[in-house]
PDB file of N, CA and C in Angstrom:
ATOM      1  N   UNK A   1     -25.288  29.962  10.735  1.00  0.00           N
ATOM      2  CA  UNK A   1     -25.799  28.754  10.701  1.00  0.00           C
ATOM      3  C   UNK A   1     -24.397  28.257   9.712  1.00  0.00           C
ATOM      4  N   UNK A   2     -24.306  26.819   9.631  1.00  0.00           N
ATOM      5  CA  UNK A   2     -23.074  25.332   8.640  1.00  0.00           C
ATOM      6  C   UNK A   2     -24.032  25.110   8.092  1.00  0.00           C
ATOM      7  N   UNK A   3     -23.182  25.329   6.991  1.00  0.00           N
ATOM      8  CA  UNK A   3     -23.811  24.460   5.491  1.00  0.00           C
ATOM      9  C   UNK A   3     -23.458  23.047   5.453  1.00  0.00           C
ATOM     10  N   UNK A   4     -23.991  21.735   5.954  1.00  0.00           N
ATOM     11  CA  UNK A   4     -22.972  20.524   5.743  1.00  0.00           C
ATOM     12  C   UNK A   4     -23.446  20.451   4.631  1.00  0.00           C
ATOM     13  N   UNK A   5     -21.882  19.783   4.035  1.00  0.00           N
ATOM     14  CA  UNK A   5     -21.634  19.216   2.330  1.00  0.00           C
ATOM     15  C   UNK A   5     -21.306  17.514   3.078  1.00  0.00           C
ATOM     16  N   UNK A   6     -22.656  16.824   2.222  1.00  0.00           N
ATOM     17  CA  UNK A   6     -22.534  15.214   2.046  1.00  0.00           C
ATOM     18  C   UNK A   6     -21.356  15.153   0.747  1.00  0.00           C
ATOM     19  N   UNK A   7     -20.467  14.130   0.817  1.00  0.00           N
ATOM     20  CA  UNK A   7     -19.854  13.339  -0.147  1.00  0.00           C
ATOM     21  C   UNK A   7     -21.209  12.706  -0.990  1.00  0.00           C
ATOM     22  N   UNK A   8     -21.003  12.594  -2.612  1.00  0.00           N
ATOM     23  CA  UNK A   8     -20.824  12.091  -3.795  1.00  0.00           C
ATOM     24  C   UNK A   8     -20.474  11.076  -3.872  1.00  0.00           C
ATOM     25  N   UNK A   9     -21.087   9.613  -3.134  1.00  0.00           N
ATOM     26  CA  UNK A   9     -20.273   8.577  -3.358  1.00  0.00           C
ATOM     27  C   UNK A   9     -19.641   8.042  -5.385  1.00  0.00           C
ATOM     28  N   UNK A  10     -20.482   8.820  -6.294  1.00  0.00           N
ATOM     29  CA  UNK A  10     -19.301   8.411  -8.032  1.00  0.00           C
ATOM     30  C   UNK A  10     -18.369   9.339  -7.605  1.00  0.00           C
ATOM     31  N   UNK A  11     -17.998  10.286  -6.838  1.00  0.00           N
ATOM     32  CA  UNK A  11     -17.457  12.115  -7.097  1.00  0.00           C
ATOM     33  C   UNK A  11     -16.246  11.566  -6.512  1.00  0.00           C
ATOM     34  N   UNK A  12     -15.072  11.319  -7.415  1.00  0.00           N
ATOM     35  CA  UNK A  12     -13.967  10.878  -6.939  1.00  0.00           C
ATOM     36  C   UNK A  12     -12.857  12.256  -5.719  1.00  0.00           C
ATOM     37  N   UNK A  13     -12.491  11.227  -4.820  1.00  0.00           N
ATOM     38  CA  UNK A  13     -12.055  12.251  -4.435  1.00  0.00           C
ATOM     39  C   UNK A  13     -10.928  11.666  -3.172  1.00  0.00           C
ATOM     40  N   UNK A  14      -9.582  11.769  -3.286  1.00  0.00           N
ATOM     41  CA  UNK A  14      -8.660  11.665  -3.315  1.00  0.00           C
ATOM     42  C   UNK A  14      -8.491  11.122  -1.190  1.00  0.00           C
ATOM     43  N   UNK A  15      -9.323  11.838  -0.750  1.00  0.00           N
ATOM     44  CA  UNK A  15      -8.959  11.844   1.070  1.00  0.00           C
ATOM     45  C   UNK A  15      -9.571  11.116   1.345  1.00  0.00           C
ATOM     46  N   UNK A  16     -10.559  10.103   0.314  1.00  0.00           N
ATOM     47  CA  UNK A  16     -11.786   9.770   1.147  1.00  0.00           C
ATOM     48  C   UNK A  16     -11.583   8.313   0.777  1.00  0.00           C
ATOM     49  N   UNK A  17     -11.376   6.519   1.646  1.00  0.00           N
ATOM     50  CA  UNK A  17     -11.554   5.090   0.858  1.00  0.00           C
ATOM     51  C   UNK A  17     -12.092   5.394  -0.215  1.00  0.00           C
ATOM     52  N   UNK A  18     -11.865   3.934  -0.594  1.00  0.00           N
ATOM     53  CA  UNK A  18     -12.462   4.035  -2.414  1.00  0.00           C
ATOM     54  C   UNK A  18     -12.609   2.504  -2.298  1.00  0.00           C
ATOM     55  N   UNK A  19     -13.449   1.990  -2.905  1.00  0.00           N
ATOM     56  CA  UNK A  19     -13.599   0.192  -3.171  1.00  0.00           C
ATOM     57  C   UNK A  19     -13.461   0.141  -4.829  1.00  0.00           C
ATOM     58  N   UNK A  20     -12.000  -0.795  -4.426  1.00  0.00           N
ATOM     59  CA  UNK A  20     -12.296  -0.996  -6.305  1.00  0.00           C
ATOM     60  C   UNK A  20     -12.955  -1.791  -6.974  1.00  0.00           C
ATOM     61  N   UNK A  21     -13.693  -2.794  -6.467  1.00  0.00           N
ATOM     62  CA  UNK A  21     -14.429  -3.691  -6.398  1.00  0.00           C
ATOM     63  C   UNK A  21     -16.154  -3.139  -7.094  1.00  0.00           C
ATOM     64  N   UNK A  22     -16.444  -2.047  -5.758  1.00  0.00           N
ATOM     65  CA  UNK A  22     -17.882  -1.414  -6.233  1.00  0.00           C
ATOM     66  C   UNK A  22     -17.692  -0.107  -6.877  1.00  0.00           C
ATOM     67  N   UNK A  23     -15.967   0.406  -7.277  1.00  0.00           N
ATOM     68  CA  UNK A  23     -15.687   1.750  -7.768  1.00  0.00           C
ATOM     69  C   UNK A  23     -16.730   2.578  -7.201  1.00  0.00           C
ATOM     70  N   UNK A  24     -17.015   2.734  -5.973  1.00  0.00           N
ATOM     71  CA  UNK A  24     -17.372   4.096  -5.197  1.00  0.00           C
ATOM     72  C   UNK A  24     -16.713   4.814  -4.453  1.00  0.00           C
ATOM     73  N   UNK A  25     -16.917   5.336  -3.111  1.00  0.00           N
ATOM     74  CA  UNK A  25     -17.022   5.861  -2.107  1.00  0.00           C
ATOM     75  C   UNK A  25     -17.809   5.177  -1.510  1.00  0.00           C
ATOM     76  N   UNK A  26     -17.599   3.873  -0.660  1.00  0.00           N
ATOM     77  CA  UNK A  26     -18.747   3.254   0.150  1.00  0.00           C
ATOM     78  C   UNK A  26     -17.930   3.927   1.157  1.00  0.00           C
ATOM     79  N   UNK A  27     -19.550   3.274   2.014  1.00  0.00           N
ATOM     80  CA  UNK A  27     -19.108   3.391   3.117  1.00  0.00           C
ATOM     81  C   UNK A  27     -18.122   2.461   3.467  1.00  0.00           C
ATOM     82  N   UNK A  28     -17.616   2.129   5.306  1.00  0.00           N
ATOM     83  CA  UNK A  28     -16.592   1.259   5.346  1.00  0.00           C
ATOM     84  C   UNK A  28     -16.580   0.800   6.901  1.00  0.00           C
ATOM     85  N   UNK A  29     -16.052  -0.209   7.465  1.00  0.00           N
ATOM     86  CA  UNK A  29     -15.727  -0.493   8.931  1.00  0.00           C
ATOM     87  C   UNK A  29     -15.096  -1.404   8.858  1.00  0.00           C
ATOM     88  N   UNK A  30     -14.322  -1.382   9.785  1.00  0.00           N
ATOM     89  CA  UNK A  30     -13.027  -2.190  10.594  1.00  0.00           C
ATOM     90  C   UNK A  30     -13.837  -3.385  10.592  1.00  0.00           C
ATOM     91  N   UNK A  31     -13.036  -4.622   9.966  1.00  0.00           N
ATOM     92  CA  UNK A  31     -13.913  -6.225  10.771  1.00  0.00           C
ATOM     93  C   UNK A  31     -13.544  -6.346  12.236  1.00  0.00           C
ATOM     94  N   UNK A  32     -12.376  -6.105  12.713  1.00  0.00           N
ATOM     95  CA  UNK A  32     -12.174  -6.068  14.012  1.00  0.00           C
ATOM     96  C   UNK A  32     -11.707  -4.465  14.492  1.00  0.00           C
ATOM     97  N   UNK A  33     -12.001  -4.772  15.891  1.00  0.00           N
ATOM     98  CA  UNK A  33     -11.685  -3.181  16.462  1.00  0.00           C
ATOM     99  C   UNK A  33     -10.511  -2.694  16.069  1.00  0.00           C
ATOM    100  N   UNK A  34      -9.398  -3.603  16.337  1.00  0.00           N
ATOM    101  CA  UNK A  34      -7.918  -3.468  16.031  1.00  0.00           C
ATOM    102  C   UNK A  34      -7.094  -3.479  14.475  1.00  0.00           C
ATOM    103  N   UNK A  35      -7.917  -4.049  14.166  1.00  0.00           N
ATOM    104  CA  UNK A  35      -7.551  -4.137  12.384  1.00  0.00           C
ATOM    105  C   UNK A  35      -7.034  -3.097  11.907  1.00  0.00           C
ATOM    106  N   UNK A  36      -6.074  -2.581  11.047  1.00  0.00           N
ATOM    107  CA  UNK A  36      -5.860  -1.308  10.587  1.00  0.00           C
ATOM    108  C   UNK A  36      -6.427  -1.193   9.216  1.00  0.00           C
ATOM    109  N   UNK A  37      -6.831  -2.215   8.283  1.00  0.00           N
ATOM    110  CA  UNK A  37      -7.903  -2.317   6.935  1.00  0.00           C
ATOM    111  C   UNK A  37      -9.043  -2.380   7.017  1.00  0.00           C
ATOM    112  N   UNK A  38      -9.522  -1.471   6.390  1.00  0.00           N
ATOM    113  CA  UNK A  38     -11.205  -1.232   6.245  1.00  0.00           C
ATOM    114  C   UNK A  38     -11.855  -2.274   4.979  1.00  0.00           C
ATOM    115  N   UNK A  39     -12.799  -2.755   5.694  1.00  0.00           N
ATOM    116  CA  UNK A  39     -14.126  -2.945   4.284  1.00  0.00           C
ATOM    117  C   UNK A  39     -15.399  -2.052   4.079  1.00  0.00           C
ATOM    118  N   UNK A  40     -15.739  -2.554   2.868  1.00  0.00           N
ATOM    119  CA  UNK A  40     -16.686  -2.327   2.336  1.00  0.00           C
ATOM    120  C   UNK A  40     -17.874  -2.573   2.843  1.00  0.00           C
ATOM    121  N   UNK A  41     -18.914  -1.268   3.729  1.00  0.00           N
ATOM    122  CA  UNK A  41     -19.895  -1.691   3.725  1.00  0.00           C
ATOM    123  C   UNK A  41     -21.197  -2.710   2.787  1.00  0.00           C
ATOM    124  N   UNK A  42     -20.744  -2.918   1.294  1.00  0.00           N
ATOM    125  CA  UNK A  42     -21.740  -3.183   0.311  1.00  0.00           C
ATOM    126  C   UNK A  42     -20.862  -4.516  -0.454  1.00  0.00           C
ATOM    127  N   UNK A  43     -20.036  -4.507  -0.636  1.00  0.00           N
ATOM    128  CA  UNK A  43     -19.303  -5.797  -1.032  1.00  0.00           C
ATOM    129  C   UNK A  43     -18.667  -6.568   0.103  1.00  0.00           C
ATOM    130  N   UNK A  44     -18.446  -6.059   1.019  1.00  0.00           N
ATOM    131  CA  UNK A  44     -17.374  -6.467   1.972  1.00  0.00           C
ATOM    132  C   UNK A  44     -15.939  -7.229   1.146  1.00  0.00           C
ATOM    133  N   UNK A  45     -15.394  -6.277   0.287  1.00  0.00           N
ATOM    134  CA  UNK A  45     -14.153  -5.842  -0.052  1.00  0.00           C
ATOM    135  C   UNK A  45     -13.482  -4.953   0.605  1.00  0.00           C
ATOM    136  N   UNK A  46     -12.258  -5.343   0.324  1.00  0.00           N
ATOM    137  CA  UNK A  46     -11.292  -4.301   0.803  1.00  0.00           C
ATOM    138  C   UNK A  46     -10.969  -2.458   0.543  1.00  0.00           C
ATOM    139  N   UNK A  47     -11.489  -1.594   0.745  1.00  0.00           N
ATOM    140  CA  UNK A  47     -11.423  -0.254   0.978  1.00  0.00           C
ATOM    141  C   UNK A  47      -9.938   0.241   0.894  1.00  0.00           C
ATOM    142  N   UNK A  48      -9.340   2.062   0.774  1.00  0.00           N
ATOM    143  CA  UNK A  48      -8.862   2.049   0.230  1.00  0.00           C
ATOM    144  C   UNK A  48      -8.248   3.208  -0.081  1.00  0.00           C
ATOM    145  N   UNK A  49      -7.620   4.418   0.438  1.00  0.00           N
ATOM    146  CA  UNK A  49      -7.474   5.777   0.676  1.00  0.00           C
ATOM    147  C   UNK A  49      -6.088   5.306  -0.385  1.00  0.00           C
ATOM    148  N   UNK A  50      -6.254   6.045  -1.761  1.00  0.00           N
ATOM    149  CA  UNK A  50      -5.422   6.340  -2.987  1.00  0.00           C
ATOM    150  C   UNK A  50      -4.592   7.302  -2.730  1.00  0.00           C
ATOM    151  N   UNK A  51      -3.077   6.761  -2.392  1.00  0.00           N
ATOM    152  CA  UNK A  51      -2.402   6.913  -2.305  1.00  0.00           C
ATOM    153  C   UNK A  51      -0.446   6.412  -3.287  1.00  0.00           C
ATOM    154  N   UNK A  52       0.037   7.429  -3.130  1.00  0.00           N
ATOM    155  CA  UNK A  52       0.918   7.494  -4.506  1.00  0.00           C
ATOM    156  C   UNK A  52       2.004   6.262  -3.982  1.00  0.00           C
ATOM    157  N   UNK A  53       2.283   5.732  -5.106  1.00  0.00           N
ATOM    158  CA  UNK A  53       2.802   3.977  -4.940  1.00  0.00           C
ATOM    159  C   UNK A  53       4.982   4.611  -4.625  1.00  0.00           C
ATOM    160  N   UNK A  54       4.685   5.595  -5.312  1.00  0.00           N
ATOM    161  CA  UNK A  54       6.149   5.967  -5.717  1.00  0.00           C
ATOM    162  C   UNK A  54       7.381   5.574  -4.462  1.00  0.00           C
ATOM    163  N   UNK A  55       6.511   6.141  -3.313  1.00  0.00           N
ATOM    164  CA  UNK A  55       7.766   6.407  -1.625  1.00  0.00           C
ATOM    165  C   UNK A  55       7.402   5.651  -0.966  1.00  0.00           C
ATOM    166  N   UNK A  56       6.400   4.504  -1.552  1.00  0.00           N
ATOM    167  CA  UNK A  56       6.291   2.730  -1.184  1.00  0.00           C
ATOM    168  C   UNK A  56       8.241   2.235  -1.499  1.00  0.00           C
ATOM    169  N   UNK A  57       7.156   2.266  -3.094  1.00  0.00           N
ATOM    170  CA  UNK A  57       8.516   1.614  -3.797  1.00  0.00           C
ATOM    171  C   UNK A  57       9.800   2.555  -3.269  1.00  0.00           C
ATOM    172  N   UNK A  58      10.581   3.766  -3.031  1.00  0.00           N
ATOM    173  CA  UNK A  58      11.636   4.269  -2.430  1.00  0.00           C
ATOM    174  C   UNK A  58      11.715   3.368  -2.157  1.00  0.00           C
ATOM    175  N   UNK A  59      11.016   3.423  -0.284  1.00  0.00           N
ATOM    176  CA  UNK A  59      11.276   3.598   0.658  1.00  0.00           C
ATOM    177  C   UNK A  59      11.634   1.760   0.275  1.00  0.00           C
ATOM    178  N   UNK A  60      10.887   1.015  -0.012  1.00  0.00           N
ATOM    179  CA  UNK A  60      11.248  -0.450  -0.007  1.00  0.00           C
ATOM    180  C   UNK A  60      12.274  -0.947  -0.634  1.00  0.00           C
ATOM    181  N   UNK A  61      13.007   0.036  -1.669  1.00  0.00           N
ATOM    182  CA  UNK A  61      14.269  -0.522  -2.187  1.00  0.00           C
ATOM    183  C   UNK A  61      15.058  -0.057  -1.411  1.00  0.00           C
ATOM    184  N   UNK A  62      15.422   1.440  -0.588  1.00  0.00           N
ATOM    185  CA  UNK A  62      16.613   2.227   0.191  1.00  0.00           C
ATOM    186  C   UNK A  62      16.466   0.588   1.614  1.00  0.00           C
ATOM    187  N   UNK A  63      14.747  -0.280   1.603  1.00  0.00           N
ATOM    188  CA  UNK A  63      15.406  -0.690   2.739  1.00  0.00           C
ATOM    189  C   UNK A  63      15.877  -2.481   2.392  1.00  0.00           C
ATOM    190  N   UNK A  64      15.249  -2.696   1.511  1.00  0.00           N
ATOM    191  CA  UNK A  64      16.373  -3.950   1.044  1.00  0.00           C
ATOM    192  C   UNK A  64      18.102  -3.897   0.428  1.00  0.00           C
ATOM    193  N   UNK A  65      18.327  -2.660   0.104  1.00  0.00           N
ATOM    194  CA  UNK A  65      20.108  -2.550  -0.273  1.00  0.00           C
ATOM    195  C   UNK A  65      20.693  -1.791   1.040  1.00  0.00           C
ATOM    196  N   UNK A  66      19.718  -1.465   2.046  1.00  0.00           N
ATOM    197  CA  UNK A  66      20.277  -1.365   3.721  1.00  0.00           C
ATOM    198  C   UNK A  66      20.892  -3.324   4.013  1.00  0.00           C
ATOM    199  N   UNK A  67      19.736  -3.777   3.757  1.00  0.00           N
ATOM    200  CA  UNK A  67      19.621  -5.097   4.231  1.00  0.00           C
ATOM    201  C   UNK A  67      20.959  -5.897   3.596  1.00  0.00           C
ATOM    202  N   UNK A  68      20.730  -5.483   2.334  1.00  0.00           N
ATOM    203  CA  UNK A  68      22.585  -6.504   1.877  1.00  0.00           C
ATOM    204  C   UNK A  68      23.421  -6.231   2.312  1.00  0.00           C
ATOM    205  N   UNK A  69      23.682  -4.361   2.319  1.00  0.00           N
ATOM    206  CA  UNK A  69      25.086  -3.950   2.358  1.00  0.00           C
ATOM    207  C   UNK A  69      25.150  -4.539   3.783  1.00  0.00           C
ATOM    208  N   UNK A  70      24.317  -4.040   5.157  1.00  0.00           N
ATOM    209  CA  UNK A  70      24.465  -5.192   6.509  1.00  0.00           C
ATOM    210  C   UNK A  70      25.219  -7.277   6.070  1.00  0.00           C
ATOM    211  N   UNK A  71      24.479  -7.497   5.013  1.00  0.00           N
ATOM    212  CA  UNK A  71      24.822  -9.206   4.998  1.00  0.00           C
ATOM    213  C   UNK A  71      26.474  -8.495   4.289  1.00  0.00           C
ATOM    214  N   UNK A  72      26.893  -7.756   3.303  1.00  0.00           N
ATOM    215  CA  UNK A  72      27.976  -7.467   2.225  1.00  0.00           C
ATOM    216  C   UNK A  72      29.278  -7.171   3.365  1.00  0.00           C
ATOM    217  N   UNK A  73      28.788  -6.433   4.093  1.00  0.00           N
ATOM    218  CA  UNK A  73      29.784  -5.848   5.398  1.00  0.00           C
ATOM    219  C   UNK A  73      30.281  -6.997   6.411  1.00  0.00           C
ATOM    220  N   UNK A  74      29.292  -8.086   6.622  1.00  0.00           N
ATOM    221  CA  UNK A  74      29.101  -8.517   7.925  1.00  0.00           C
ATOM    222  C   UNK A  74      29.917  -9.462   7.802  1.00  0.00           C
ATOM    223  N   UNK A  75      29.575 -10.111   6.375  1.00  0.00           N
ATOM    224  CA  UNK A  75      30.687 -11.534   5.455  1.00  0.00           C
ATOM    225  C   UNK A  75      32.085 -10.523   4.988  1.00  0.00           C
ATOM    226  N   UNK A  76      31.836  -9.847   4.274  1.00  0.00           N
ATOM    227  CA  UNK A  76      33.393  -9.522   3.725  1.00  0.00           C
ATOM    228  C   UNK A  76      34.186  -8.243   4.615  1.00  0.00           C
ATOM    229  N   UNK A  77      33.849  -7.944   5.441  1.00  0.00           N
ATOM    230  CA  UNK A  77      34.104  -6.783   5.920  1.00  0.00           C
ATOM    231  C   UNK A  77      34.573  -7.583   7.361  1.00  0.00           C
ATOM    232  N   UNK A  78      33.768  -7.680   8.277  1.00  0.00           N
ATOM    233  CA  UNK A  78      33.611  -8.824   9.864  1.00  0.00           C
ATOM    234  C   UNK A  78      34.165  -9.723   9.322  1.00  0.00           C
ATOM    235  N   UNK A  79      33.996 -10.400   8.159  1.00  0.00           N
ATOM    236  CA  UNK A  79      34.507 -12.239   8.441  1.00  0.00           C
ATOM    237  C   UNK A  79      33.603 -13.079   9.029  1.00  0.00           C
ATOM    238  N   UNK A  80      32.796 -12.498   9.274  1.00  0.00           N
ATOM    239  CA  UNK A  80      31.683 -13.094  10.364  1.00  0.00           C
ATOM    240  C   UNK A  80      30.100 -13.802   9.288  1.00  0.00           C
ATOM    241  N   UNK A  81      30.393 -15.254   8.913  1.00  0.00           N
ATOM    242  CA  UNK A  81      29.893 -15.910   8.014  1.00  0.00           C
ATOM    243  C   UNK A  81      27.869 -15.584   8.439  1.00  0.00           C
ATOM    244  N   UNK A  82      28.036 -15.079   9.557  1.00  0.00           N
ATOM    245  CA  UNK A  82      26.335 -15.329  10.271  1.00  0.00           C
ATOM    246  C   UNK A  82      26.042 -14.058   9.181  1.00  0.00           C
ATOM    247  N   UNK A  83      26.219 -13.183   8.679  1.00  0.00           N
ATOM    248  CA  UNK A  83      25.467 -12.681   7.896  1.00  0.00           C
ATOM    249  C   UNK A  83      25.264 -12.681   6.582  1.00  0.00           C
ATOM    250  N   UNK A  84      25.640 -14.123   6.119  1.00  0.00           N
ATOM    251  CA  UNK A  84      24.937 -14.261   4.370  1.00  0.00           C
ATOM    252  C   UNK A  84      23.111 -14.820   5.498  1.00  0.00           C
ATOM    253  N   UNK A  85      22.753 -15.027   6.421  1.00  0.00           N
ATOM    254  CA  UNK A  85      21.792 -14.892   6.253  1.00  0.00           C
ATOM    255  C   UNK A  85      20.835 -13.711   6.267  1.00  0.00           C
ATOM    256  N   UNK A  86      21.527 -12.153   5.787  1.00  0.00           N
ATOM    257  CA  UNK A  86      20.970 -11.160   5.312  1.00  0.00           C
ATOM    258  C   UNK A  86      20.105 -11.090   4.051  1.00  0.00           C
ATOM    259  N   UNK A  87      21.488 -11.842   3.016  1.00  0.00           N
ATOM    260  CA  UNK A  87      20.725 -11.861   2.146  1.00  0.00           C
ATOM    261  C   UNK A  87      19.391 -12.654   1.414  1.00  0.00           C
ATOM    262  N   UNK A  88      19.499 -13.321   1.810  1.00  0.00           N
ATOM    263  CA  UNK A  88      17.993 -14.816   1.169  1.00  0.00           C
ATOM    264  C   UNK A  88      16.765 -13.736   1.912  1.00  0.00           C
ATOM    265  N   UNK A  89      17.756 -13.409   3.174  1.00  0.00           N
ATOM    266  CA  UNK A  89      16.342 -12.523   3.881  1.00  0.00           C
ATOM    267  C   UNK A  89      16.017 -11.265   3.324  1.00  0.00           C
ATOM    268  N   UNK A  90      17.269 -10.205   2.946  1.00  0.00           N
ATOM    269  CA  UNK A  90      16.476  -9.366   1.605  1.00  0.00           C
ATOM    270  C   UNK A  90      15.971  -9.457   0.419  1.00  0.00           C
ATOM    271  N   UNK A  91      16.431 -11.045  -0.043  1.00  0.00           N
ATOM    272  CA  UNK A  91      14.733 -11.140  -1.210  1.00  0.00           C
ATOM    273  C   UNK A  91      14.095 -11.746  -0.326  1.00  0.00           C
ATOM    274  N   UNK A  92      13.346 -11.908   0.170  1.00  0.00           N
ATOM    275  CA  UNK A  92      12.253 -12.338   1.398  1.00  0.00           C
ATOM    276  C   UNK A  92      11.870 -11.181   1.435  1.00  0.00           C
ATOM    277  N   UNK A  93      11.920 -10.887   2.296  1.00  0.00           N
ATOM    278  CA  UNK A  93      11.538  -8.960   2.404  1.00  0.00           C
ATOM    279  C   UNK A  93      11.028  -8.391   1.200  1.00  0.00           C
ATOM    280  N   UNK A  94      12.384  -8.100   0.226  1.00  0.00           N
ATOM    281  CA  UNK A  94      11.586  -7.529  -0.933  1.00  0.00           C
ATOM    282  C   UNK A  94      10.841  -8.474  -2.278  1.00  0.00           C
ATOM    283  N   UNK A  95      10.673  -9.532  -1.758  1.00  0.00           N
ATOM    284  CA  UNK A  95       9.514 -10.073  -2.456  1.00  0.00           C
ATOM    285  C   UNK A  95       8.266  -9.643  -2.165  1.00  0.00           C
ATOM    286  N   UNK A  96       8.372 -10.012  -0.598  1.00  0.00           N
ATOM    287  CA  UNK A  96       6.647  -8.790  -0.214  1.00  0.00           C
ATOM    288  C   UNK A  96       6.814  -7.621  -0.585  1.00  0.00           C
ATOM    289  N   UNK A  97       7.804  -7.102  -0.797  1.00  0.00           N
ATOM    290  CA  UNK A  97       7.998  -5.691  -0.066  1.00  0.00           C
ATOM    291  C   UNK A  97       7.014  -4.617  -1.626  1.00  0.00           C
ATOM    292  N   UNK A  98       7.408  -5.776  -2.865  1.00  0.00           N
ATOM    293  CA  UNK A  98       7.221  -5.400  -4.052  1.00  0.00           C
ATOM    294  C   UNK A  98       5.895  -5.737  -4.384  1.00  0.00           C
ATOM    295  N   UNK A  99       5.184  -7.022  -3.687  1.00  0.00           N
ATOM    296  CA  UNK A  99       4.270  -7.335  -4.264  1.00  0.00           C
ATOM    297  C   UNK A  99       3.030  -6.423  -3.380  1.00  0.00           C
ATOM    298  N   UNK A 100       3.007  -5.950  -2.263  1.00  0.00           N
ATOM    299  CA  UNK A 100       2.434  -4.810  -1.592  1.00  0.00           C
ATOM    300  C   UNK A 100       2.633  -3.022  -2.198  1.00  0.00           C
ATOM    301  N   UNK A 101       4.414  -2.722  -3.327  1.00  0.00           N
ATOM    302  CA  UNK A 101       4.094  -2.162  -4.176  1.00  0.00           C
ATOM    303  C   UNK A 101       3.141  -1.952  -5.240  1.00  0.00           C
ATOM    304  N   UNK A 102       3.132  -3.734  -5.344  1.00  0.00           N
ATOM    305  CA  UNK A 102       2.491  -3.486  -6.912  1.00  0.00           C
ATOM    306  C   UNK A 102       0.721  -3.463  -6.914  1.00  0.00           C
ATOM    307  N   UNK A 103       0.495  -4.182  -5.743  1.00  0.00           N
ATOM    308  CA  UNK A 103      -0.917  -4.100  -5.507  1.00  0.00           C
ATOM    309  C   UNK A 103      -1.835  -2.719  -5.628  1.00  0.00           C
ATOM    310  N   UNK A 104      -0.897  -1.899  -5.067  1.00  0.00           N
ATOM    311  CA  UNK A 104      -0.932  -0.807  -4.530  1.00  0.00           C
ATOM    312  C   UNK A 104      -1.097   0.901  -6.059  1.00  0.00           C
ATOM    313  N   UNK A 105       0.005   0.203  -6.735  1.00  0.00           N
ATOM    314  CA  UNK A 105      -0.328   0.801  -7.977  1.00  0.00           C
ATOM    315  C   UNK A 105      -1.054  -0.174  -8.532  1.00  0.00           C
ATOM    316  N   UNK A 106      -1.495  -1.385  -8.824  1.00  0.00           N
ATOM    317  CA  UNK A 106      -2.602  -1.175  -9.243  1.00  0.00           C
ATOM    318  C   UNK A 106      -3.931  -0.596  -9.251  1.00  0.00           C
ATOM    319  N   UNK A 107      -4.324  -0.464  -7.799  1.00  0.00           N
ATOM    320  CA  UNK A 107      -5.569   0.292  -7.103  1.00  0.00           C
ATOM    321  C   UNK A 107      -4.573   1.651  -7.174  1.00  0.00           C
ATOM    322  N   UNK A 108      -4.099   2.483  -7.439  1.00  0.00           N
ATOM    323  CA  UNK A 108      -3.601   3.726  -7.943  1.00  0.00           C
ATOM    324  C   UNK A 108      -4.227   4.043  -9.332  1.00  0.00           C
ATOM    325  N   UNK A 109      -3.735   3.310 -10.134  1.00  0.00           N
ATOM    326  CA  UNK A 109      -3.961   3.043 -11.258  1.00  0.00           C
ATOM    327  C   UNK A 109      -5.853   3.333 -11.854  1.00  0.00           C
ATOM    328  N   UNK A 110      -5.933   2.193 -10.900  1.00  0.00           N
ATOM    329  CA  UNK A 110      -7.534   1.846 -11.317  1.00  0.00           C
ATOM    330  C   UNK A 110      -8.375   2.958 -11.129  1.00  0.00           C
ATOM    331  N   UNK A 111      -8.223   3.229  -9.378  1.00  0.00           N
ATOM    332  CA  UNK A 111      -8.764   4.254  -9.069  1.00  0.00           C
ATOM    333  C   UNK A 111      -8.274   5.645 -10.185  1.00  0.00           C
ATOM    334  N   UNK A 112      -7.004   6.116 -10.445  1.00  0.00           N
ATOM    335  CA  UNK A 112      -7.288   7.197 -11.623  1.00  0.00           C
ATOM    336  C   UNK A 112      -7.908   7.157 -13.145  1.00  0.00           C
ATOM    337  N   UNK A 113      -8.207   5.798 -13.135  1.00  0.00           N
ATOM    338  CA  UNK A 113      -8.788   5.344 -14.106  1.00  0.00           C
ATOM    339  C   UNK A 113     -10.141   5.562 -14.193  1.00  0.00           C
ATOM    340  N   UNK A 114     -10.969   5.481 -12.949  1.00  0.00           N
ATOM    341  CA  UNK A 114     -12.193   6.347 -12.454  1.00  0.00           C
ATOM    342  C   UNK A 114     -12.439   7.252 -12.328  1.00  0.00           C
ATOM    343  N   UNK A 115     -11.369   7.758 -11.991  1.00  0.00           N
ATOM    344  CA  UNK A 115     -11.516   9.496 -11.284  1.00  0.00           C
ATOM    345  C   UNK A 115     -11.344  10.160 -12.805  1.00  0.00           C
ATOM    346  N   UNK A 116     -10.629  10.026 -13.379  1.00  0.00           N
ATOM    347  CA  UNK A 116     -10.985  10.550 -15.275  1.00  0.00           C
ATOM    348  C   UNK A 116     -11.983  10.460 -15.377  1.00  0.00           C
ATOM    349  N   UNK A 117     -12.843   8.994 -16.152  1.00  0.00           N
ATOM    350  CA  UNK A 117     -13.748   8.978 -16.291  1.00  0.00           C
ATOM    351  C   UNK A 117     -14.813  10.068 -15.228  1.00  0.00           C
ATOM    352  N   UNK A 118     -15.204   9.549 -14.058  1.00  0.00           N
ATOM    353  CA  UNK A 118     -15.943  10.631 -13.408  1.00  0.00           C
ATOM    354  C   UNK A 118     -16.044  11.846 -13.066  1.00  0.00           C
ATOM    355  N   UNK A 119     -15.126  12.595 -13.553  1.00  0.00           N
ATOM    356  CA  UNK A 119     -15.289  14.187 -13.256  1.00  0.00           C
ATOM    357  C   UNK A 119     -15.969  15.018 -13.879  1.00  0.00           C
TER     358      UNK A 119
END
């Protein structure tokens, strides 16, 4: 006979989604069938699976550097002024990626502070 282990919502578990509003591993659902984001069943806030923000930052920086390199290469090497569009596009994408990183880092710190308190 197999013993079923139930999860305790107040016990930190990095593999389970966590609600930063309720500060618990709550139940969650998708708002729509095609949505990639989950919603807390208690407060209707966003739940998220704690993920390390450093890889997100590295990928974001590499993508931005690649866009700037493409712009530089098009404008200065190929003498094609249409490549100038890559600089503002890189800044725009960089701003969005940085905001995503900052949000993830904030949740990551919040989860670890809560996890340390509830071990």
